[in-house]
Each structure stands twice: as C-alpha cells, then as structure tokens.
C-alpha atoms as a PDB file:
ATOM      1  CA  UNK A   1      -4.157  -6.629  18.893  1.00  0.00           C
ATOM      2  CA  UNK A   2      -1.948  -5.086  16.223  1.00  0.00           C
ATOM      3  CA  UNK A   3      -3.568  -3.573  13.116  1.00  0.00           C
ATOM      4  CA  UNK A   4      -2.962  -4.759   9.563  1.00  0.00           C
ATOM      5  CA  UNK A   5      -4.299  -3.477   6.216  1.00  0.00           C
ATOM      6  CA  UNK A   6      -3.515  -4.567   2.676  1.00  0.00           C
ATOM      7  CA  UNK A   7      -4.488  -2.489  -0.343  1.00  0.00           C
ATOM      8  CA  UNK A   8      -4.117  -3.690  -3.927  1.00  0.00           C
ATOM      9  CA  UNK A   9      -4.698  -1.570  -7.031  1.00  0.00           C
ATOM     10  CA  UNK A  10      -5.439  -3.510 -10.209  1.00  0.00           C
ATOM     11  CA  UNK A  11      -6.169  -1.670 -13.413  1.00  0.00           C
ATOM     12  CA  UNK A  12      -8.125  -3.067 -16.316  1.00  0.00           C
ATOM     13  CA  UNK A  13      -5.590  -3.888 -19.039  1.00  0.00           C
ATOM     14  CA  UNK A  14      -8.190  -2.944 -21.690  1.00  0.00           C
ATOM     15  CA  UNK A  15      -8.407   0.619 -20.339  1.00  0.00           C
ATOM     16  CA  UNK A  16      -6.668   3.179 -22.561  1.00  0.00           C
ATOM     17  CA  UNK A  17      -4.657   4.648 -19.644  1.00  0.00           C
ATOM     18  CA  UNK A  18      -3.156   1.251 -18.790  1.00  0.00           C
ATOM     19  CA  UNK A  19      -0.641   0.712 -21.577  1.00  0.00           C
ATOM     20  CA  UNK A  20       2.406  -0.099 -19.429  1.00  0.00           C
ATOM     21  CA  UNK A  21       2.744  -3.651 -18.128  1.00  0.00           C
ATOM     22  CA  UNK A  22       3.121  -3.862 -14.341  1.00  0.00           C
ATOM     23  CA  UNK A  23       0.649  -1.144 -13.321  1.00  0.00           C
ATOM     24  CA  UNK A  24      -0.784  -3.354 -10.560  1.00  0.00           C
ATOM     25  CA  UNK A  25       0.450  -2.215  -7.149  1.00  0.00           C
ATOM     26  CA  UNK A  26       0.108  -3.185  -3.499  1.00  0.00           C
ATOM     27  CA  UNK A  27       0.453  -1.287  -0.220  1.00  0.00           C
ATOM     28  CA  UNK A  28       0.610  -3.324   3.005  1.00  0.00           C
ATOM     29  CA  UNK A  29       0.368  -1.619   6.407  1.00  0.00           C
ATOM     30  CA  UNK A  30       1.351  -3.636   9.496  1.00  0.00           C
ATOM     31  CA  UNK A  31       1.527  -2.344  13.041  1.00  0.00           C
ATOM     32  CA  UNK A  32       4.780  -3.668  14.526  1.00  0.00           C
ATOM     33  CA  UNK A  33       4.588  -2.088  17.984  1.00  0.00           C
ATOM     34  CA  UNK A  34       2.261   0.243  19.910  1.00  0.00           C
ATOM     35  CA  UNK A  35       4.112   3.218  18.425  1.00  0.00           C
ATOM     36  CA  UNK A  36       5.278   2.073  14.950  1.00  0.00           C
ATOM     37  CA  UNK A  37       4.010   0.481  11.764  1.00  0.00           C
ATOM     38  CA  UNK A  38       5.705  -0.882   8.646  1.00  0.00           C
ATOM     39  CA  UNK A  39       4.630  -0.147   5.086  1.00  0.00           C
ATOM     40  CA  UNK A  40       5.604  -2.583   2.346  1.00  0.00           C
ATOM     41  CA  UNK A  41       4.706  -1.396  -1.139  1.00  0.00           C
ATOM     42  CA  UNK A  42       5.502  -1.942  -4.784  1.00  0.00           C
ATOM     43  CA  UNK A  43       4.356  -3.716  -7.914  1.00  0.00           C
ATOM     44  CA  UNK A  44       2.427  -6.963  -7.588  1.00  0.00           C
ATOM     45  CA  UNK A  45       4.805  -9.876  -8.069  1.00  0.00           C
ATOM     46  CA  UNK A  46       7.788  -8.158  -6.424  1.00  0.00           C
ATOM     47  CA  UNK A  47       9.027  -8.116  -2.822  1.00  0.00           C
ATOM     48  CA  UNK A  48       8.482  -4.344  -2.734  1.00  0.00           C
ATOM     49  CA  UNK A  49      10.106  -1.697  -0.576  1.00  0.00           C
ATOM     50  CA  UNK A  50       9.723  -1.248   3.178  1.00  0.00           C
ATOM     51  CA  UNK A  51       9.429   1.861   5.349  1.00  0.00           C
ATOM     52  CA  UNK A  52       8.790   2.204   9.112  1.00  0.00           C
ATOM     53  CA  UNK A  53       6.696   5.135  10.380  1.00  0.00           C
ATOM     54  CA  UNK A  54       5.207   6.305  13.666  1.00  0.00           C
ATOM     55  CA  UNK A  55       1.572   5.407  14.434  1.00  0.00           C
ATOM     56  CA  UNK A  56       0.522   9.049  14.250  1.00  0.00           C
ATOM     57  CA  UNK A  57       0.882   8.776  10.436  1.00  0.00           C
ATOM     58  CA  UNK A  58      -1.321   5.633  10.121  1.00  0.00           C
ATOM     59  CA  UNK A  59      -4.686   7.359   9.627  1.00  0.00           C
ATOM     60  CA  UNK A  60      -3.232  10.001   7.296  1.00  0.00           C
ATOM     61  CA  UNK A  61      -1.492   7.485   5.012  1.00  0.00           C
ATOM     62  CA  UNK A  62      -4.433   5.061   5.029  1.00  0.00           C
ATOM     63  CA  UNK A  63      -6.746   7.911   4.054  1.00  0.00           C
ATOM     64  CA  UNK A  64      -4.445   8.969   1.216  1.00  0.00           C
ATOM     65  CA  UNK A  65      -4.185   5.427  -0.149  1.00  0.00           C
ATOM     66  CA  UNK A  66      -7.914   4.703  -0.036  1.00  0.00           C
ATOM     67  CA  UNK A  67      -8.793   8.095  -1.545  1.00  0.00           C
ATOM     68  CA  UNK A  68      -6.782   7.249  -4.678  1.00  0.00           C
ATOM     69  CA  UNK A  69      -9.165   4.407  -5.447  1.00  0.00           C
END
C-alpha cells in the first residue's frame, strides 16, 4: 500500500500576523512508487507546484512540515 499525507495550514484571519490574503497553504505527499514520492504544495485554491523526491526524504520532510504547526 502506498502512503499518502495531506497537510493544510489555515491561519485565523483575525490574527495580527495574518494581514495578507492567501496565507492558507497545503502540502500533499503521495508515494508514487516504492522508491519515490510526489509533493504538491501551494496556496489553497490553486493547483500548486509539484516536486518528486526519493523515499529517503519522506520522514525528514514530513517532520519539518508537521513541526511548523
């Protein structure tokens, strides 16, 4: 079974740091083979950008994205 994770960051629009429209972001991780995964990321409401990486980066990147909160 191939792995898949989807992370979405939504900021409260009433928060003083969130003054720019479009701060909401997504980061989708999809395993596409035993050795590779595809990241699709960008602002919510857009198609986003895509990047393919080796599976040895999966845990590192996932940890970085979840640590940001």
